[in-house]
Protein backbone atom coordinates (compact mmCIF):
# COMPACT_ATOMS: atom_id res chain seq x y z
CA MET A 1 15.14 98.04 46.59
CA ILE A 2 11.61 96.06 46.68
CA ILE A 3 11.39 92.43 46.13
CA SER A 4 7.81 91.13 46.23
CA ARG A 5 7.15 87.25 45.77
CA THR A 6 4.00 86.28 44.48
CA PRO A 7 3.03 82.20 44.41
CA PHE A 8 1.50 80.48 40.87
CA ARG A 9 -1.45 78.55 41.05
CA ILE A 10 -3.52 75.19 40.34
CA SER A 11 -7.17 75.14 39.70
CA PHE A 12 -9.11 72.12 39.91
CA ALA A 13 -12.72 72.61 39.39
CA GLY A 14 -14.67 75.45 37.50
CA GLY A 15 -11.54 76.61 35.49
CA GLY A 16 -13.71 78.58 32.42
CA THR A 17 -16.19 80.24 34.29
CA ASP A 18 -14.28 83.21 35.47
CA LEU A 19 -14.95 84.30 31.95
CA PRO A 20 -16.75 87.63 31.96
CA ASP A 21 -18.91 85.98 28.93
CA TYR A 22 -20.06 83.09 31.43
CA TYR A 23 -20.03 85.08 35.33
CA ARG A 24 -22.47 88.06 33.62
CA LYS A 25 -24.92 85.52 32.98
CA LYS A 26 -24.69 82.84 35.66
CA SER A 27 -22.38 83.25 38.82
CA GLY A 28 -19.03 80.63 38.09
CA CYS A 29 -16.55 79.61 40.12
CA VAL A 30 -13.98 78.25 41.21
CA LEU A 31 -11.55 76.02 43.09
CA SER A 32 -8.13 76.87 43.20
CA THR A 33 -4.80 76.63 45.30
CA ALA A 34 -2.03 78.39 45.49
CA ILE A 35 1.25 76.81 45.46
CA ASN A 36 5.38 77.18 46.25
CA LYS A 37 6.34 77.90 43.32
CA TYR A 38 6.55 81.55 42.80
CA MET A 39 7.43 85.10 40.65
CA TYR A 40 9.84 87.83 42.05
CA ILE A 41 9.78 91.02 41.46
CA SER A 42 12.47 93.80 42.30
CA VAL A 43 12.02 97.43 42.09
CA HIS A 44 14.87 99.66 42.39
CA GLN A 45 15.29 103.02 42.24
CA PRO A 46 18.04 104.27 39.86
CA PHE A 47 21.16 106.97 39.83
CA ASP A 48 18.57 108.97 36.61
CA ASN A 49 14.76 109.16 35.67
CA ARG A 50 15.62 106.63 32.86
CA ILE A 51 13.07 103.30 33.17
CA ARG A 52 14.79 99.41 32.88
CA LEU A 53 13.42 96.71 32.52
CA LYS A 54 14.60 93.09 32.25
CA TYR A 55 12.54 90.09 32.04
CA SER A 56 12.96 87.83 29.08
CA GLN A 57 13.78 90.72 27.02
CA THR A 58 15.36 94.22 28.56
CA GLU A 59 14.42 97.59 27.56
CA LEU A 60 16.07 100.89 27.97
CA VAL A 61 13.26 103.72 27.12
CA ASP A 62 12.94 107.34 28.97
CA ASN A 63 9.31 107.50 28.75
CA ILE A 64 6.36 105.16 29.71
CA GLU A 65 5.04 105.15 25.77
CA SER A 66 8.38 103.52 24.46
CA ILE A 67 7.72 100.32 26.89
CA VAL A 68 7.17 97.53 25.23
CA HIS A 69 5.68 95.06 27.58
CA PRO A 70 2.36 96.04 27.87
CA ILE A 71 1.82 94.97 31.62
CA ILE A 72 4.76 96.88 33.19
CA ARG A 73 3.73 100.16 31.11
CA GLU A 74 -0.09 99.53 32.59
CA ALA A 75 0.99 99.03 35.88
CA LEU A 76 3.35 101.93 35.73
CA LYS A 77 0.14 103.92 34.68
CA LEU A 78 -1.45 102.93 37.11
CA THR A 79 0.43 103.62 39.45
CA ASP A 80 1.44 107.12 38.50
CA ILE A 81 5.08 106.16 38.50
CA LEU A 82 6.62 107.66 35.48
CA GLY A 83 10.29 107.31 35.63
CA GLY A 84 13.22 106.81 37.22
CA ILE A 85 13.11 102.72 38.23
CA GLU A 86 14.55 99.32 37.24
CA ILE A 87 12.21 96.43 37.74
CA THR A 88 13.31 92.82 37.00
CA SER A 89 11.60 89.40 37.07
CA VAL A 90 12.13 86.09 37.94
CA SER A 91 10.47 82.84 38.00
CA ASP A 92 10.61 79.72 39.06
CA ILE A 93 7.86 78.41 36.25
CA PRO A 94 7.98 78.97 32.96
CA ALA A 95 6.42 82.02 30.94
CA GLN A 96 2.81 80.48 29.19
CA ALA A 97 2.31 76.98 31.10
CA GLY A 98 -1.16 76.97 32.23
CA LEU A 99 -0.33 78.43 36.02
CA GLY A 100 -1.44 81.21 35.78
CA SER A 101 2.25 83.36 34.87
CA SER A 102 0.79 86.79 33.57
CA SER A 103 -1.70 87.35 36.18
CA THR A 104 1.00 86.38 38.85
CA PHE A 105 3.17 88.75 37.49
CA SER A 106 0.68 91.65 37.16
CA VAL A 107 -0.39 91.09 41.01
CA GLY A 108 3.68 90.57 41.75
CA LEU A 109 4.21 94.25 40.11
CA LEU A 110 1.64 96.01 41.59
CA HIS A 111 2.78 94.82 44.95
CA ALA A 112 6.44 95.81 44.25
CA LEU A 113 5.01 99.59 42.56
CA HIS A 114 2.67 100.41 45.42
CA ALA A 115 5.42 99.10 48.25
CA PHE A 116 7.96 101.56 46.16
CA LYS A 117 5.53 104.27 46.69
CA GLY A 118 5.30 103.75 50.18
CA GLU A 119 1.68 102.11 49.91
CA TYR A 120 0.25 99.38 51.56
CA VAL A 121 -2.59 97.79 49.44
CA PRO A 122 -5.00 94.77 50.57
CA SER A 123 -5.47 91.21 48.54
CA GLU A 124 -8.34 92.88 47.28
CA ARG A 125 -7.19 95.73 45.90
CA LEU A 126 -3.70 93.61 44.15
CA ALA A 127 -6.58 91.52 42.88
CA VAL A 128 -8.50 94.57 41.57
CA GLU A 129 -6.29 96.16 39.31
CA ALA A 130 -4.31 93.09 38.17
CA CYS A 131 -7.97 92.73 36.33
CA ALA A 132 -8.90 96.02 35.42
CA ILE A 133 -4.98 95.88 33.66
CA GLU A 134 -5.49 92.06 32.28
CA MET A 135 -9.43 93.02 31.22
CA ASN A 136 -9.46 96.38 30.87
CA ARG A 137 -6.86 98.06 30.17
CA LEU A 138 -5.11 95.42 27.52
CA ALA A 139 -9.05 94.12 26.76
CA GLU A 140 -6.72 90.23 27.10
CA PRO A 141 -9.59 87.32 27.08
CA VAL A 142 -8.86 86.31 30.12
CA GLY A 143 -11.19 86.32 33.73
CA LYS A 144 -10.27 86.88 37.21
CA GLN A 145 -9.86 83.69 38.92
CA ASP A 146 -5.55 83.88 38.64
CA GLN A 147 -4.97 87.69 39.78
CA TYR A 148 -7.59 86.30 42.88
CA ILE A 149 -5.74 83.14 44.01
CA ALA A 150 -2.18 85.00 43.12
CA ALA A 151 -3.17 88.21 45.93
CA TYR A 152 -4.87 85.88 48.48
CA GLY A 153 -2.89 82.50 48.10
CA GLY A 154 -4.31 79.68 50.35
CA LEU A 155 -6.66 77.03 48.95
CA GLN A 156 -9.59 79.10 48.23
CA PHE A 157 -13.31 78.35 46.78
CA ILE A 158 -13.61 81.79 44.51
CA ARG A 159 -17.22 82.64 43.10
CA PHE A 160 -17.44 84.88 40.25
CA ASN A 161 -20.90 87.63 40.62
CA PRO A 162 -22.41 89.06 37.35
CA ASP A 163 -22.47 92.53 39.49
CA GLU A 164 -18.63 91.69 38.83
CA THR A 165 -18.12 91.23 42.79
CA VAL A 166 -15.86 88.65 43.62
CA PHE A 167 -16.30 86.05 46.87
CA VAL A 168 -13.43 84.32 48.35
CA ASP A 169 -13.72 81.86 50.86
CA PRO A 170 -11.11 79.93 52.27
CA VAL A 171 -11.81 76.31 52.28
CA ILE A 172 -11.54 74.58 55.60
CA CYS A 173 -11.47 71.53 56.45
CA SER A 174 -8.98 68.98 58.34
CA ALA A 175 -5.32 68.61 58.19
CA GLU A 176 -5.57 65.35 57.39
CA THR A 177 -8.27 66.28 54.55
CA ARG A 178 -5.80 68.52 53.29
CA MET A 179 -2.91 66.13 53.55
CA LYS A 180 -4.63 63.16 52.12
CA PHE A 181 -5.78 65.69 49.29
CA HIS A 182 -2.47 66.73 48.22
CA GLU A 183 -0.20 63.40 48.65
CA ARG A 184 -2.40 62.41 45.98
CA LEU A 185 -1.95 64.75 43.71
CA MET A 186 1.14 65.13 41.00
CA LEU A 187 1.86 67.86 38.64
CA PHE A 188 3.58 66.87 35.23
CA HIS A 189 5.53 69.46 33.05
CA CYS A 190 4.05 69.02 28.96
CA SER A 191 7.31 70.22 26.79
CA GLY A 192 6.56 73.29 24.87
CA VAL A 193 4.06 76.46 25.50
CA ARG A 194 0.79 77.86 24.38
CA SER A 195 -0.54 81.32 23.67
CA ALA A 196 -3.56 81.64 26.27
CA ARG A 197 -5.39 83.94 24.06
CA ASP A 198 -5.45 82.02 21.37
CA VAL A 199 -7.09 79.11 23.29
CA LEU A 200 -8.95 81.36 25.24
CA ASN A 201 -10.45 83.23 22.40
CA ASP A 202 -11.52 79.76 21.06
CA GLN A 203 -13.46 79.35 23.74
CA LYS A 204 -15.14 82.23 23.82
CA LYS A 205 -16.42 81.59 20.54
CA HIS A 206 -17.87 78.19 21.93
CA ILE A 207 -19.71 79.33 25.40
CA PRO A 208 -23.23 79.97 24.03
CA GLU A 209 -23.09 75.98 22.18
CA LYS A 210 -21.89 74.23 25.15
CA ILE A 211 -24.05 76.61 28.45
CA LYS A 212 -24.91 73.08 29.25
CA ASN A 213 -21.16 72.39 29.70
CA TRP A 214 -20.34 75.40 32.02
CA ASP A 215 -22.96 74.71 34.31
CA ARG A 216 -22.46 71.26 34.68
CA MET A 217 -17.99 72.75 35.44
CA VAL A 218 -19.86 74.62 38.08
CA GLU A 219 -21.42 72.17 40.44
CA LEU A 220 -18.39 69.73 40.09
CA ALA A 221 -16.25 72.85 41.82
CA GLU A 222 -18.71 72.97 43.99
CA GLU A 223 -19.14 69.00 44.92
CA LEU A 224 -15.49 69.41 45.20
CA HIS A 225 -15.99 72.48 47.68
CA SER A 226 -18.27 69.95 49.70
CA ILE A 227 -15.94 66.83 49.59
CA LEU A 228 -13.68 69.40 51.59
CA LEU A 229 -15.65 71.15 53.31
CA LYS A 230 -17.49 67.66 55.15
CA ASN A 231 -14.04 65.91 55.63
CA GLN A 232 -15.16 62.92 53.05
CA ASP A 233 -13.69 60.76 50.91
CA VAL A 234 -11.14 62.39 49.11
CA GLY A 235 -11.71 59.35 46.63
CA ALA A 236 -14.29 61.03 44.78
CA ILE A 237 -11.84 63.58 43.60
CA GLY A 238 -10.25 62.31 41.17
CA PRO A 239 -13.58 61.14 39.35
CA ILE A 240 -14.70 64.84 39.59
CA LEU A 241 -11.47 66.18 38.13
CA HIS A 242 -11.68 63.42 35.13
CA GLU A 243 -15.29 64.60 34.18
CA SER A 244 -14.10 68.05 34.48
CA TRP A 245 -11.83 67.43 31.60
CA MET A 246 -14.07 65.89 29.62
CA LEU A 247 -16.52 68.52 29.57
CA LYS A 248 -13.12 71.12 28.98
CA ARG A 249 -12.02 69.29 25.73
CA GLU A 250 -15.31 70.06 24.63
CA MET A 251 -15.55 73.66 24.87
CA GLY A 252 -13.19 74.53 22.00
CA ASP A 253 -10.61 73.35 18.87
CA LYS A 254 -7.24 74.41 20.80
CA ILE A 255 -7.49 73.09 24.38
CA THR A 256 -6.11 69.56 23.52
CA ASN A 257 -3.38 68.06 21.71
CA ASN A 258 -3.00 64.12 20.22
CA ALA A 259 0.71 64.57 22.64
CA ILE A 260 -1.53 65.47 25.43
CA ASP A 261 -4.54 63.08 25.27
CA GLY A 262 -1.65 60.05 24.98
CA TRP A 263 -0.33 61.04 27.89
CA TYR A 264 -3.49 61.43 29.39
CA ASP A 265 -4.63 57.93 28.81
CA LYS A 266 -1.10 57.08 30.30
CA ALA A 267 -1.87 58.03 33.82
CA ARG A 268 -5.42 56.92 33.13
CA LYS A 269 -4.03 52.98 32.20
CA SER A 270 -1.19 53.40 34.67
CA GLY A 271 -3.98 54.40 37.79
CA ALA A 272 -4.50 57.84 37.66
CA ALA A 273 -8.87 58.31 38.50
CA GLY A 274 -8.57 61.58 36.99
CA GLY A 275 -6.64 64.72 36.54
CA LYS A 276 -6.32 67.83 33.73
CA LEU A 277 -4.61 70.00 31.65
CA LEU A 278 -3.93 73.28 34.16
CA GLY A 279 -4.91 76.75 32.28
CA ALA A 280 -6.80 78.09 29.32
CA GLY A 281 -5.31 74.68 27.24
CA GLY A 282 -2.87 73.92 24.30
CA GLY A 283 0.18 72.45 26.90
CA GLY A 284 1.96 73.37 29.92
CA PHE A 285 1.23 71.32 32.78
CA LEU A 286 -0.68 68.07 33.51
CA LEU A 287 -2.35 67.58 37.08
CA PHE A 288 -3.27 63.87 37.83
CA PHE A 289 -5.21 62.74 40.80
CA VAL A 290 -3.35 59.07 41.91
CA GLU A 291 -3.43 57.09 45.01
CA PRO A 292 -0.25 57.20 46.49
CA ASP A 293 0.41 53.31 45.81
CA LYS A 294 -0.18 53.74 42.22
CA GLN A 295 2.30 56.70 42.10
CA ARG A 296 4.97 55.26 40.88
CA ALA A 297 3.46 53.17 37.96
CA VAL A 298 2.44 56.85 36.87
CA ALA A 299 5.29 58.23 36.94
CA GLU A 300 6.79 55.46 34.79
CA ALA A 301 4.30 55.85 32.22
CA LEU A 302 5.44 59.48 31.60
CA SER A 303 8.53 59.17 32.29
CA ASP A 304 8.95 61.42 28.93
CA LEU A 305 7.80 64.49 31.09
CA ARG A 306 9.12 65.68 34.14
CA HIS A 307 7.61 64.88 37.54
CA ILE A 308 7.59 68.86 39.61
CA PRO A 309 6.65 68.18 43.33
CA PHE A 310 4.90 70.82 44.81
CA ASP A 311 3.09 72.01 47.87
CA PHE A 312 0.18 73.98 48.40
CA GLU A 313 1.16 78.06 49.62
CA PRO A 314 -0.93 79.38 52.59
CA GLN A 315 0.26 83.03 51.51
CA GLY A 316 -0.43 85.43 48.39
CA SER A 317 1.26 88.00 47.50
CA LYS A 318 3.65 89.48 49.59
CA ILE A 319 7.36 91.38 50.22
CA ILE A 320 10.10 90.21 51.49
CA TYR A 321 12.20 92.83 51.10
CA LEU A 322 12.15 96.61 51.81
CA SER A 323 15.34 98.71 52.14
């Protein structure tokens, strides 16, 4: 039995510039963090040579080509595991909620499969292989940020280069700055889920006409990075998040809706300095930057949403059980 634990993520600024349609022309970047909400993948060798899969559905098949779940099918092919395996997944967060669940699953699964074969793989390889599965083998319209933060963990500034290289730099700031940043963040779960594929496909259509918006989102990610590195007043982060969200709302027709806009307006009127919808758009989780003395008012204004406390997670995907 092998169990991997892989963190979900929160992206603060620059999201979308990790899409190939942007970073292959200009370098993209994001500032994001892993959080203490996880995807657990267990891998076990059964008595026979069949393939047993347990996620939101259950599959029992005799060969890889019969597997319905696309990521599992391609991960088994990539790691050259042909059969005799049982895979089970359990998650702290619902799927399609904007915290990078698909990529978290990909990274955690690959980690467990390599361990099943007795192989150690570094974070970089996990991220590269997860990107290869999602972006190349399955041709999903996703970027690279989720795979990298799931593999590396921590609070990171990640740059995506036109030559396909990715630079992952830990955000180095004082413990006081990190604490002040964290204690001003409030996370709320919106009802419902959304298809990231549909939202991202819609966004990609608008990249050429909205290129100045994307360029500004890169600048905002760099500004946020600079504030943390220089241990400046974290109060400036709220307006950065707000501007980023205002720009992102213009990137496609499926990013927001009346309900999301209503919740965002309520939070702002109650004291939130800024915020954003996490993920591609359409639903999932709302993140707000709120001074401590105004957090109760924001929580009351959003009482119909579930407030989710969280901490930053310093580690990326890891094997937590091996027998």
